[in-house]
Amino acid sequence: MDRARLAEYLRTRREAVQPEDVGLPRGRRRRTRGLRREEVAVLSDMSIDYYTRLEQPRGPHPSEQMLTAIARGLRLSLEERDHLFRLAGYATPPRAADSGYVNPGMLRIFDGLRDAPAQVVSHLGETLLQTPLSVALLGDESGHTGLARSKHYRWFTDPATRLIHPVEDRPEQTRLIVADLHESYTRTGRGSRAGTIVDALLARSPEFAALWREHPVAGPYCGPVRLQHPEVGLLELHCQRLVDPDQSQQLVVHTAAPGTASADKLRLLAVIGGQRISVDS
């Protein structure tokens, strides 16, 4: 690990990112070129002291997980991320769709949707990023580990995953999830992560196995969806998706028609966040 060069690289990349690039206000008194250290720390979900010591340089040897977080916080390209890993003494991460890396362009769009229920999702239903309103609407879907990172897997192994959808809508959702997983499996092959999930579900879920044998095909990406929220009741929303083919990821945004009860409930969720209240649906 070359601490001095790593520190210099982090500083130059930080100074190259403007506040507007990550959805932050510039403010009138900003004198720092690019981002402040504390802003990078927040964007990378780490302590200010930890990041500051890396730049000085007097910090510990960062883990691969920390480097991935910093690369995301600094909006590094794949080439810049690979250089960061090499400076820290690691092999470059895989560039496969299963790596979980989010394209900087996708991140810039995501940053502009902080007040909307938006999330970045992999082709396997793994939530990589969520806005606060997305967490309030759907719950925190980014903290799962192992196969359970995939909503496709959880749908057939954790009954609680289905509760947000009204009972009468669940059969259609089940078929859409199997079709989505079938498309990923066909594209990436049995030796991929999609293949691992399919094999696990075939062994655990007769429901999944029966639908899998029918070879369902996914329909249009966008469409209306009804969500049964435990606090504000039923919401009738539209689901819009921006697809990044290179990383096999989707930016998913839920919207409500203006002037509807569902729009009012989204605004209420933006205020209450994760608080527990009781509202009639």
Protein backbone atom coordinates (compact mmCIF):
# COMPACT_ATOMS: atom_id res chain seq x y z
CA MET A 1 0.00 0.00 0.00
CA ASP A 2 1.37 3.40 -1.00
CA ARG A 3 -0.13 5.68 1.66
CA ALA A 4 1.26 8.91 0.24
CA ARG A 5 0.03 8.30 -3.30
CA LEU A 6 -3.32 7.01 -2.03
CA ALA A 7 -3.76 10.18 0.03
CA GLU A 8 -2.82 12.37 -2.93
CA TYR A 9 -5.19 10.50 -5.23
CA LEU A 10 -8.10 10.86 -2.81
CA ARG A 11 -7.45 14.59 -2.48
CA THR A 12 -7.30 15.18 -6.24
CA ARG A 13 -10.49 13.21 -6.85
CA ARG A 14 -12.26 15.02 -4.01
CA GLU A 15 -11.30 18.40 -5.43
CA ALA A 16 -12.55 17.34 -8.87
CA VAL A 17 -16.10 16.64 -7.65
CA GLN A 18 -18.37 19.67 -7.36
CA PRO A 19 -21.17 19.87 -4.77
CA GLU A 20 -23.76 20.00 -7.55
CA ASP A 21 -22.44 16.67 -8.87
CA VAL A 22 -23.64 14.90 -5.72
CA GLY A 23 -26.79 16.90 -5.04
CA LEU A 24 -25.30 19.24 -2.42
CA PRO A 25 -25.77 23.02 -2.28
CA ARG A 26 -22.67 25.08 -3.01
CA GLY A 27 -23.39 27.86 -0.54
CA ARG A 28 -21.92 31.36 -0.60
CA ARG A 29 -18.96 30.82 1.72
CA ARG A 30 -17.47 27.72 0.14
CA ARG A 31 -13.73 28.17 -0.37
CA THR A 32 -12.74 24.51 -0.78
CA ARG A 33 -12.15 23.33 -4.31
CA GLY A 34 -14.61 20.53 -4.93
CA LEU A 35 -16.02 18.70 -1.92
CA ARG A 36 -15.09 19.05 1.73
CA ARG A 37 -13.65 16.03 3.54
CA GLU A 38 -16.68 15.79 5.78
CA GLU A 39 -18.95 15.69 2.74
CA VAL A 40 -17.00 12.79 1.23
CA ALA A 41 -17.19 10.99 4.57
CA VAL A 42 -20.98 11.36 4.69
CA LEU A 43 -21.36 10.28 1.05
CA SER A 44 -19.16 7.25 1.77
CA ASP A 45 -20.98 6.36 5.02
CA MET A 46 -17.88 6.54 7.22
CA SER A 47 -16.57 8.75 10.02
CA ILE A 48 -14.99 12.08 9.18
CA ASP A 49 -11.93 11.16 11.24
CA TYR A 50 -11.40 7.93 9.31
CA TYR A 51 -11.52 9.62 5.92
CA THR A 52 -9.39 12.56 7.08
CA ARG A 53 -6.64 10.22 8.28
CA LEU A 54 -6.59 8.51 4.88
CA GLU A 55 -5.91 11.84 3.19
CA GLN A 56 -3.23 13.07 5.60
CA PRO A 57 -1.88 10.19 5.23
CA ARG A 58 -1.91 8.43 8.57
CA GLY A 59 -4.93 6.19 8.37
CA PRO A 60 -5.25 2.41 8.61
CA HIS A 61 -5.13 0.12 5.63
CA PRO A 62 -8.67 0.51 4.23
CA SER A 63 -10.64 -2.65 3.51
CA GLU A 64 -12.06 -3.42 0.10
CA GLN A 65 -15.51 -2.55 1.46
CA MET A 66 -14.25 0.88 2.55
CA LEU A 67 -12.63 1.49 -0.83
CA THR A 68 -15.86 0.57 -2.58
CA ALA A 69 -17.73 3.05 -0.39
CA ILE A 70 -15.19 5.80 -1.11
CA ALA A 71 -15.34 5.09 -4.85
CA ARG A 72 -19.10 5.48 -4.71
CA GLY A 73 -18.91 8.62 -2.58
CA LEU A 74 -16.41 10.26 -4.96
CA ARG A 75 -18.39 9.12 -8.01
CA LEU A 76 -15.33 7.39 -9.50
CA SER A 77 -15.48 5.78 -12.91
CA LEU A 78 -14.61 2.09 -13.17
CA GLU A 79 -11.08 3.00 -14.28
CA GLU A 80 -10.65 5.44 -11.38
CA ARG A 81 -12.01 2.87 -8.93
CA ASP A 82 -9.54 0.25 -10.20
CA HIS A 83 -6.64 2.69 -9.71
CA LEU A 84 -7.82 3.36 -6.15
CA PHE A 85 -7.76 -0.35 -5.37
CA ARG A 86 -4.27 -0.77 -6.85
CA LEU A 87 -2.91 2.12 -4.75
CA ALA A 88 -4.31 0.40 -1.67
CA GLY A 89 -2.59 -2.84 -2.59
CA TYR A 90 -5.60 -4.82 -3.81
CA ALA A 91 -6.43 -6.56 -7.05
CA THR A 92 -8.98 -4.68 -9.11
CA PRO A 93 -12.59 -5.74 -8.42
CA PRO A 94 -14.60 -7.64 -11.04
CA ARG A 95 -16.52 -5.60 -13.56
CA ALA A 96 -19.33 -8.13 -13.87
CA ALA A 97 -22.94 -7.08 -13.43
CA ASP A 98 -22.98 -8.88 -10.06
CA SER A 99 -20.29 -6.60 -8.58
CA GLY A 100 -22.80 -4.11 -7.13
CA TYR A 101 -20.92 -1.11 -8.51
CA VAL A 102 -23.20 1.77 -9.46
CA ASN A 103 -22.44 3.79 -12.59
CA PRO A 104 -21.52 7.43 -11.74
CA GLY A 105 -24.09 8.66 -14.28
CA MET A 106 -26.78 6.65 -12.52
CA LEU A 107 -25.61 8.09 -9.20
CA ARG A 108 -25.91 11.66 -10.51
CA ILE A 109 -29.52 11.04 -11.52
CA PHE A 110 -30.17 9.33 -8.17
CA ASP A 111 -28.74 12.34 -6.31
CA GLY A 112 -31.31 14.55 -8.01
CA LEU A 113 -34.15 12.41 -6.68
CA ARG A 114 -33.46 12.69 -2.96
CA ASP A 115 -37.03 13.86 -2.28
CA ALA A 116 -38.60 11.02 -4.29
CA PRO A 117 -39.06 7.31 -3.44
CA ALA A 118 -36.18 6.10 -5.62
CA GLN A 119 -33.76 3.19 -5.46
CA VAL A 120 -31.02 1.57 -7.54
CA VAL A 121 -31.65 -2.14 -8.00
CA SER A 122 -29.52 -4.85 -9.62
CA HIS A 123 -30.84 -7.28 -12.21
CA LEU A 124 -31.36 -9.76 -9.37
CA GLY A 125 -33.57 -7.48 -7.28
CA GLU A 126 -30.73 -6.44 -4.96
CA THR A 127 -31.24 -2.91 -3.61
CA LEU A 128 -27.95 -1.01 -3.82
CA LEU A 129 -29.14 2.49 -2.89
CA GLN A 130 -32.33 3.98 -1.48
CA THR A 131 -33.53 7.52 -0.86
CA PRO A 132 -35.01 8.25 2.59
CA LEU A 133 -38.53 8.32 1.12
CA SER A 134 -37.94 4.94 -0.52
CA VAL A 135 -36.99 3.54 2.89
CA ALA A 136 -40.12 5.07 4.41
CA LEU A 137 -42.27 3.56 1.65
CA LEU A 138 -40.69 0.13 1.19
CA GLY A 139 -38.57 -0.36 4.29
CA ASP A 140 -34.78 -0.64 4.32
CA GLU A 141 -34.02 -3.19 1.62
CA SER A 142 -30.25 -2.63 1.50
CA GLY A 143 -29.24 -4.38 4.72
CA HIS A 144 -29.77 -8.00 3.68
CA THR A 145 -26.86 -10.39 3.20
CA GLY A 146 -26.17 -13.53 1.20
CA LEU A 147 -28.88 -14.79 -1.12
CA ALA A 148 -31.40 -12.73 0.85
CA ARG A 149 -29.97 -9.57 -0.75
CA SER A 150 -32.17 -10.50 -3.71
CA LYS A 151 -35.85 -9.64 -3.37
CA HIS A 152 -36.46 -12.42 -5.89
CA TYR A 153 -35.06 -14.89 -3.37
CA ARG A 154 -36.80 -13.33 -0.35
CA TRP A 155 -40.16 -13.37 -2.14
CA PHE A 156 -40.20 -17.18 -1.96
CA THR A 157 -38.37 -17.67 1.36
CA ASP A 158 -39.60 -14.83 3.61
CA PRO A 159 -43.40 -14.37 3.73
CA ALA A 160 -42.99 -10.85 5.15
CA THR A 161 -41.61 -9.70 1.78
CA ARG A 162 -45.08 -10.01 0.22
CA LEU A 163 -46.98 -8.06 2.86
CA ILE A 164 -46.56 -4.69 1.14
CA HIS A 165 -48.62 -5.94 -1.81
CA PRO A 166 -52.39 -6.47 -1.44
CA VAL A 167 -53.29 -10.16 -1.36
CA GLU A 168 -55.10 -10.05 -4.70
CA ASP A 169 -52.04 -8.53 -6.42
CA ARG A 170 -49.52 -11.10 -5.19
CA PRO A 171 -50.03 -13.78 -7.88
CA GLU A 172 -49.20 -11.26 -10.61
CA GLN A 173 -46.18 -10.00 -8.66
CA THR A 174 -45.00 -13.58 -8.18
CA ARG A 175 -45.12 -14.26 -11.90
CA LEU A 176 -43.33 -11.00 -12.72
CA ILE A 177 -40.52 -11.83 -10.28
CA VAL A 178 -40.04 -15.31 -11.75
CA ALA A 179 -40.04 -13.86 -15.27
CA ASP A 180 -37.45 -11.25 -14.27
CA LEU A 181 -35.20 -13.89 -12.72
CA HIS A 182 -35.69 -16.14 -15.75
CA GLU A 183 -34.48 -13.34 -18.03
CA SER A 184 -31.36 -12.78 -15.89
CA TYR A 185 -30.63 -16.52 -15.75
CA THR A 186 -30.97 -16.89 -19.52
CA ARG A 187 -28.63 -13.94 -20.10
CA THR A 188 -25.91 -14.79 -17.55
CA GLY A 189 -26.00 -18.59 -17.40
CA ARG A 190 -26.18 -21.27 -14.73
CA GLY A 191 -22.73 -20.49 -13.33
CA SER A 192 -23.74 -16.91 -12.47
CA ARG A 193 -25.24 -15.52 -9.29
CA ALA A 194 -28.62 -15.77 -10.97
CA GLY A 195 -27.97 -19.49 -11.41
CA THR A 196 -27.13 -19.84 -7.73
CA ILE A 197 -30.40 -18.17 -6.73
CA VAL A 198 -32.42 -20.29 -9.16
CA ASP A 199 -30.87 -23.54 -7.90
CA ALA A 200 -31.55 -22.54 -4.29
CA LEU A 201 -35.18 -21.65 -5.02
CA LEU A 202 -35.80 -24.83 -7.02
CA ALA A 203 -34.68 -26.77 -3.97
CA ARG A 204 -36.70 -24.74 -1.45
CA SER A 205 -39.90 -23.56 -3.14
CA PRO A 206 -42.38 -25.80 -4.99
CA GLU A 207 -44.27 -22.61 -5.96
CA PHE A 208 -41.17 -21.22 -7.65
CA ALA A 209 -40.36 -24.55 -9.33
CA ALA A 210 -43.85 -24.81 -10.84
CA LEU A 211 -43.70 -21.30 -12.30
CA TRP A 212 -40.10 -21.75 -13.45
CA ARG A 213 -41.12 -24.71 -15.60
CA GLU A 214 -43.60 -22.46 -17.44
CA HIS A 215 -40.76 -20.23 -18.77
CA PRO A 216 -42.54 -16.92 -18.01
CA VAL A 217 -41.41 -13.90 -20.01
CA ALA A 218 -41.24 -10.42 -18.46
CA GLY A 219 -43.55 -7.76 -19.83
CA PRO A 220 -43.13 -3.96 -19.88
CA TYR A 221 -40.91 -2.47 -17.19
CA CYS A 222 -43.32 0.28 -16.20
CA GLY A 223 -46.80 -0.02 -14.88
CA PRO A 224 -49.17 0.77 -12.04
CA VAL A 225 -48.54 -0.84 -8.67
CA ARG A 226 -50.51 -0.93 -5.45
CA LEU A 227 -48.65 -0.93 -2.14
CA GLN A 228 -50.23 -1.63 1.24
CA HIS A 229 -48.19 0.46 3.68
CA PRO A 230 -48.59 -0.42 7.37
CA GLU A 231 -48.93 3.22 8.43
CA VAL A 232 -50.65 5.17 5.66
CA GLY A 233 -52.64 2.39 4.03
CA LEU A 234 -53.09 1.65 0.34
CA LEU A 235 -51.14 3.67 -2.23
CA GLU A 236 -51.77 3.51 -5.96
CA LEU A 237 -48.49 4.38 -7.67
CA HIS A 238 -46.69 4.22 -10.98
CA CYS A 239 -43.29 2.56 -11.23
CA GLN A 240 -40.80 4.13 -13.65
CA ARG A 241 -37.48 2.47 -14.44
CA LEU A 242 -34.28 3.78 -16.01
CA VAL A 243 -32.13 0.84 -17.15
CA ASP A 244 -28.32 0.88 -17.27
CA PRO A 245 -27.44 -2.03 -19.63
CA ASP A 246 -23.70 -1.93 -18.82
CA GLN A 247 -24.17 -2.66 -15.13
CA SER A 248 -27.52 -4.48 -15.48
CA GLN A 249 -29.04 -2.08 -12.95
CA GLN A 250 -32.24 -0.10 -12.80
CA LEU A 251 -33.13 3.20 -11.20
CA VAL A 252 -36.66 2.65 -9.90
CA VAL A 253 -38.88 5.61 -9.01
CA HIS A 254 -42.41 5.40 -7.60
CA THR A 255 -44.72 8.31 -8.39
CA ALA A 256 -48.32 9.22 -7.61
CA ALA A 257 -50.72 11.18 -9.79
CA PRO A 258 -51.00 14.79 -8.54
CA GLY A 259 -54.07 15.58 -6.49
CA THR A 260 -54.74 11.97 -5.49
CA ALA A 261 -54.95 10.45 -2.03
CA SER A 262 -51.79 8.48 -2.84
CA ALA A 263 -49.88 11.70 -3.53
CA ASP A 264 -51.01 13.02 -0.14
CA LYS A 265 -49.82 9.80 1.52
CA LEU A 266 -46.39 10.06 -0.11
CA ARG A 267 -46.07 13.60 1.23
CA LEU A 268 -47.06 12.32 4.67
CA LEU A 269 -44.43 9.59 4.49
CA ALA A 270 -41.81 12.20 3.59
CA VAL A 271 -42.65 13.95 6.87
CA ILE A 272 -43.01 11.01 9.24
CA GLY A 273 -40.29 8.79 7.80
CA GLY A 274 -40.04 5.68 9.96
CA GLN A 275 -42.30 6.93 12.75
CA ARG A 276 -45.18 4.71 13.76
CA ILE A 277 -48.61 6.31 13.37
CA SER A 278 -52.11 5.15 12.52
CA VAL A 279 -53.87 6.47 9.44
CA ASP A 280 -57.02 5.06 7.86
CA SER A 281 -56.53 3.83 4.28
